Amino acid sequence: MQAWGPAIGLTALGWLLVPAALGSGATAFPRWSLLLTPPVQALPWYALTRLPYPGKPLLDGALFNIVNLVWAIAFLALMSHNPLT
C-alpha cells in the first residue's frame, strides 16, 4: 500500500481536477466531454462488477485501468475531431 498509495491519490486528484476544468470551460474541449471523465465513467463500470458473470474477477482487478483507457481513447478521439490548432 505504501508504494502505490501516493500514485493512486495523485491520480484521483487529477480525476477531480480535469472535470473541474472541463465544467468551467477552461479547456478547448466541449462541456459535454465531462461525461467521459473517470469520475462519471467509474459509476457504470463499478456497477458491472456487481453482476455475476465468468469474467468478473478480471474486471474487478482491472476496473481502474479500464476507466483510464476509455478516458484516454475518448479524449484522443475528441482531439482528432477538435484539433487545438
N, C-alpha and C. Protein backbone atom coordinates (compact mmCIF):
# COMPACT_ATOMS: atom_id res chain seq x y z
N MET A 1 0.83 -1.20 0.00
CA MET A 1 0.00 0.00 0.00
C MET A 1 0.87 1.25 0.00
N GLN A 2 1.99 1.21 0.70
CA GLN A 2 2.81 2.40 0.80
C GLN A 2 3.42 2.80 -0.54
N ALA A 3 3.68 1.84 -1.39
CA ALA A 3 4.32 2.14 -2.67
C ALA A 3 3.35 2.77 -3.66
N TRP A 4 2.15 2.23 -3.76
CA TRP A 4 1.24 2.75 -4.79
C TRP A 4 0.18 3.68 -4.23
N GLY A 5 0.14 3.89 -2.94
CA GLY A 5 -0.84 4.80 -2.34
C GLY A 5 -0.74 6.22 -2.87
N PRO A 6 0.46 6.83 -2.90
CA PRO A 6 0.58 8.19 -3.45
C PRO A 6 0.20 8.27 -4.93
N ALA A 7 0.52 7.24 -5.69
CA ALA A 7 0.16 7.25 -7.12
C ALA A 7 -1.35 7.25 -7.30
N ILE A 8 -2.04 6.43 -6.52
CA ILE A 8 -3.50 6.39 -6.60
C ILE A 8 -4.09 7.73 -6.14
N GLY A 9 -3.52 8.29 -5.07
CA GLY A 9 -4.00 9.58 -4.57
C GLY A 9 -3.84 10.71 -5.58
N LEU A 10 -2.68 10.76 -6.23
CA LEU A 10 -2.46 11.81 -7.24
C LEU A 10 -3.33 11.60 -8.47
N THR A 11 -3.54 10.35 -8.84
CA THR A 11 -4.43 10.06 -9.97
C THR A 11 -5.85 10.48 -9.64
N ALA A 12 -6.29 10.20 -8.44
CA ALA A 12 -7.63 10.61 -8.01
C ALA A 12 -7.76 12.14 -8.01
N LEU A 13 -6.71 12.82 -7.59
CA LEU A 13 -6.73 14.28 -7.63
C LEU A 13 -6.86 14.78 -9.08
N GLY A 14 -6.14 14.15 -9.99
CA GLY A 14 -6.28 14.50 -11.41
C GLY A 14 -7.67 14.20 -11.93
N TRP A 15 -8.23 13.08 -11.45
CA TRP A 15 -9.60 12.73 -11.85
C TRP A 15 -10.59 13.80 -11.44
N LEU A 16 -10.30 14.53 -10.38
CA LEU A 16 -11.20 15.59 -9.92
C LEU A 16 -10.89 16.95 -10.55
N LEU A 17 -9.62 17.20 -10.85
CA LEU A 17 -9.25 18.49 -11.43
C LEU A 17 -9.66 18.62 -12.90
N VAL A 18 -9.54 17.54 -13.65
CA VAL A 18 -9.91 17.60 -15.08
C VAL A 18 -11.40 17.89 -15.26
N PRO A 19 -12.30 17.21 -14.55
CA PRO A 19 -13.72 17.57 -14.69
C PRO A 19 -14.01 19.00 -14.26
N ALA A 20 -13.29 19.49 -13.25
CA ALA A 20 -13.49 20.88 -12.84
C ALA A 20 -13.11 21.84 -13.96
N ALA A 21 -12.00 21.56 -14.64
CA ALA A 21 -11.58 22.41 -15.76
C ALA A 21 -12.55 22.31 -16.93
N LEU A 22 -13.03 21.10 -17.21
CA LEU A 22 -13.99 20.93 -18.30
C LEU A 22 -15.31 21.62 -18.00
N GLY A 23 -15.76 21.48 -16.77
CA GLY A 23 -17.03 22.10 -16.38
C GLY A 23 -17.00 23.61 -16.37
N SER A 24 -15.83 24.18 -16.08
CA SER A 24 -15.72 25.64 -16.04
C SER A 24 -15.46 26.24 -17.42
N GLY A 25 -15.22 25.39 -18.42
CA GLY A 25 -14.96 25.89 -19.77
C GLY A 25 -13.52 26.36 -19.96
N ALA A 26 -12.62 25.94 -19.11
CA ALA A 26 -11.22 26.38 -19.19
C ALA A 26 -10.40 25.57 -20.19
N THR A 27 -11.03 24.65 -20.91
CA THR A 27 -10.32 23.84 -21.89
C THR A 27 -10.94 24.03 -23.27
N ALA A 28 -10.27 23.50 -24.28
CA ALA A 28 -10.79 23.58 -25.65
C ALA A 28 -11.85 22.51 -25.92
N PHE A 29 -12.00 21.58 -24.99
CA PHE A 29 -12.98 20.51 -25.18
C PHE A 29 -14.39 21.02 -24.88
N PRO A 30 -15.39 20.44 -25.55
CA PRO A 30 -16.77 20.84 -25.25
C PRO A 30 -17.16 20.40 -23.83
N ARG A 31 -18.12 21.10 -23.25
CA ARG A 31 -18.51 20.79 -21.87
C ARG A 31 -19.11 19.40 -21.72
N TRP A 32 -19.74 18.88 -22.77
CA TRP A 32 -20.33 17.55 -22.66
C TRP A 32 -19.25 16.47 -22.51
N SER A 33 -17.99 16.81 -22.82
CA SER A 33 -16.91 15.83 -22.64
C SER A 33 -16.70 15.51 -21.16
N LEU A 34 -17.30 16.28 -20.30
CA LEU A 34 -17.29 15.99 -18.86
C LEU A 34 -17.87 14.60 -18.59
N LEU A 35 -18.79 14.15 -19.44
CA LEU A 35 -19.40 12.84 -19.28
C LEU A 35 -18.42 11.70 -19.53
N LEU A 36 -17.30 11.99 -20.17
CA LEU A 36 -16.31 10.96 -20.48
C LEU A 36 -15.20 10.86 -19.43
N THR A 37 -15.26 11.68 -18.40
CA THR A 37 -14.20 11.68 -17.39
C THR A 37 -14.35 10.50 -16.43
N PRO A 38 -13.26 10.08 -15.82
CA PRO A 38 -13.29 8.91 -14.94
C PRO A 38 -14.30 8.95 -13.79
N PRO A 39 -14.51 10.09 -13.10
CA PRO A 39 -15.50 10.03 -12.03
C PRO A 39 -16.91 9.67 -12.52
N VAL A 40 -17.25 10.15 -13.70
CA VAL A 40 -18.57 9.83 -14.26
C VAL A 40 -18.59 8.41 -14.81
N GLN A 41 -17.52 8.02 -15.48
CA GLN A 41 -17.43 6.67 -16.05
C GLN A 41 -17.35 5.58 -15.00
N ALA A 42 -16.72 5.88 -13.88
CA ALA A 42 -16.48 4.85 -12.87
C ALA A 42 -17.77 4.26 -12.31
N LEU A 43 -18.82 5.05 -12.26
CA LEU A 43 -20.08 4.55 -11.70
C LEU A 43 -20.67 3.39 -12.49
N PRO A 44 -20.86 3.52 -13.81
CA PRO A 44 -21.40 2.36 -14.54
C PRO A 44 -20.43 1.18 -14.57
N TRP A 45 -19.13 1.45 -14.67
CA TRP A 45 -18.16 0.36 -14.67
C TRP A 45 -18.18 -0.37 -13.33
N TYR A 46 -18.30 0.39 -12.25
CA TYR A 46 -18.36 -0.23 -10.92
C TYR A 46 -19.62 -1.08 -10.78
N ALA A 47 -20.72 -0.61 -11.37
CA ALA A 47 -21.96 -1.38 -11.31
C ALA A 47 -21.80 -2.73 -12.02
N LEU A 48 -20.98 -2.78 -13.07
CA LEU A 48 -20.75 -4.05 -13.76
C LEU A 48 -20.06 -5.07 -12.88
N THR A 49 -19.27 -4.61 -11.92
CA THR A 49 -18.58 -5.56 -11.04
C THR A 49 -19.54 -6.23 -10.08
N ARG A 50 -20.75 -5.73 -9.96
CA ARG A 50 -21.76 -6.33 -9.07
C ARG A 50 -22.55 -7.43 -9.77
N LEU A 51 -22.42 -7.55 -11.08
CA LEU A 51 -23.14 -8.58 -11.83
C LEU A 51 -22.34 -9.88 -11.83
N PRO A 52 -23.02 -11.01 -11.68
CA PRO A 52 -22.31 -12.29 -11.75
C PRO A 52 -22.10 -12.73 -13.21
N TYR A 53 -20.89 -12.98 -13.61
CA TYR A 53 -20.56 -13.47 -14.94
C TYR A 53 -19.16 -14.08 -14.88
N PRO A 54 -18.78 -14.88 -15.86
CA PRO A 54 -17.49 -15.60 -15.78
C PRO A 54 -16.25 -14.71 -15.71
N GLY A 55 -16.26 -13.56 -16.34
CA GLY A 55 -15.07 -12.70 -16.36
C GLY A 55 -15.00 -11.73 -15.20
N LYS A 56 -15.85 -11.88 -14.22
CA LYS A 56 -15.91 -10.93 -13.12
C LYS A 56 -14.57 -10.70 -12.41
N PRO A 57 -13.79 -11.73 -12.08
CA PRO A 57 -12.50 -11.46 -11.41
C PRO A 57 -11.56 -10.60 -12.25
N LEU A 58 -11.62 -10.74 -13.57
CA LEU A 58 -10.77 -9.91 -14.42
C LEU A 58 -11.18 -8.45 -14.36
N LEU A 59 -12.48 -8.20 -14.39
CA LEU A 59 -12.96 -6.82 -14.34
C LEU A 59 -12.72 -6.21 -12.97
N ASP A 60 -12.85 -7.00 -11.92
CA ASP A 60 -12.60 -6.48 -10.57
C ASP A 60 -11.19 -5.93 -10.45
N GLY A 61 -10.21 -6.63 -10.98
CA GLY A 61 -8.83 -6.20 -10.87
C GLY A 61 -8.43 -5.14 -11.86
N ALA A 62 -9.17 -4.98 -12.92
CA ALA A 62 -8.77 -4.06 -13.98
C ALA A 62 -9.66 -2.82 -14.10
N LEU A 63 -10.56 -2.63 -13.17
CA LEU A 63 -11.52 -1.52 -13.28
C LEU A 63 -10.82 -0.17 -13.42
N PHE A 64 -9.85 0.09 -12.59
CA PHE A 64 -9.12 1.36 -12.63
C PHE A 64 -8.46 1.56 -13.98
N ASN A 65 -7.84 0.51 -14.50
CA ASN A 65 -7.15 0.59 -15.79
C ASN A 65 -8.13 0.75 -16.95
N ILE A 66 -9.26 0.08 -16.88
CA ILE A 66 -10.26 0.19 -17.95
C ILE A 66 -10.81 1.62 -18.03
N VAL A 67 -11.13 2.20 -16.88
CA VAL A 67 -11.64 3.57 -16.85
C VAL A 67 -10.61 4.54 -17.44
N ASN A 68 -9.35 4.39 -17.06
CA ASN A 68 -8.31 5.26 -17.62
C ASN A 68 -8.12 5.05 -19.12
N LEU A 69 -8.21 3.81 -19.57
CA LEU A 69 -8.07 3.52 -21.00
C LEU A 69 -9.21 4.14 -21.82
N VAL A 70 -10.43 3.96 -21.35
CA VAL A 70 -11.58 4.54 -22.06
C VAL A 70 -11.48 6.05 -22.08
N TRP A 71 -11.04 6.65 -20.97
CA TRP A 71 -10.88 8.10 -20.90
C TRP A 71 -9.84 8.57 -21.91
N ALA A 72 -8.71 7.90 -21.97
CA ALA A 72 -7.65 8.30 -22.90
C ALA A 72 -8.10 8.17 -24.35
N ILE A 73 -8.74 7.07 -24.69
CA ILE A 73 -9.21 6.87 -26.06
C ILE A 73 -10.27 7.91 -26.43
N ALA A 74 -11.19 8.18 -25.51
CA ALA A 74 -12.24 9.16 -25.79
C ALA A 74 -11.66 10.55 -26.03
N PHE A 75 -10.69 10.95 -25.22
CA PHE A 75 -10.13 12.28 -25.41
C PHE A 75 -9.19 12.36 -26.60
N LEU A 76 -8.54 11.27 -26.96
CA LEU A 76 -7.77 11.26 -28.21
C LEU A 76 -8.70 11.40 -29.41
N ALA A 77 -9.84 10.73 -29.35
CA ALA A 77 -10.83 10.86 -30.44
C ALA A 77 -11.38 12.29 -30.49
N LEU A 78 -11.65 12.88 -29.35
CA LEU A 78 -12.12 14.26 -29.32
C LEU A 78 -11.09 15.21 -29.90
N MET A 79 -9.81 14.97 -29.58
CA MET A 79 -8.76 15.85 -30.10
C MET A 79 -8.63 15.72 -31.62
N SER A 80 -8.92 14.55 -32.17
CA SER A 80 -8.83 14.39 -33.61
C SER A 80 -9.98 15.11 -34.31
N HIS A 81 -11.11 15.24 -33.65
CA HIS A 81 -12.25 15.94 -34.24
C HIS A 81 -12.23 17.43 -33.93
N ASN A 82 -11.59 17.82 -32.85
CA ASN A 82 -11.48 19.23 -32.45
C ASN A 82 -10.00 19.57 -32.25
N PRO A 83 -9.22 19.70 -33.33
CA PRO A 83 -7.80 19.99 -33.15
C PRO A 83 -7.58 21.33 -32.47
N LEU A 84 -6.48 21.42 -31.73
CA LEU A 84 -6.19 22.63 -30.98
C LEU A 84 -5.59 23.73 -31.84
N THR A 85 -5.14 23.40 -33.04
CA THR A 85 -4.53 24.43 -33.89
C THR A 85 -5.51 25.15 -34.73
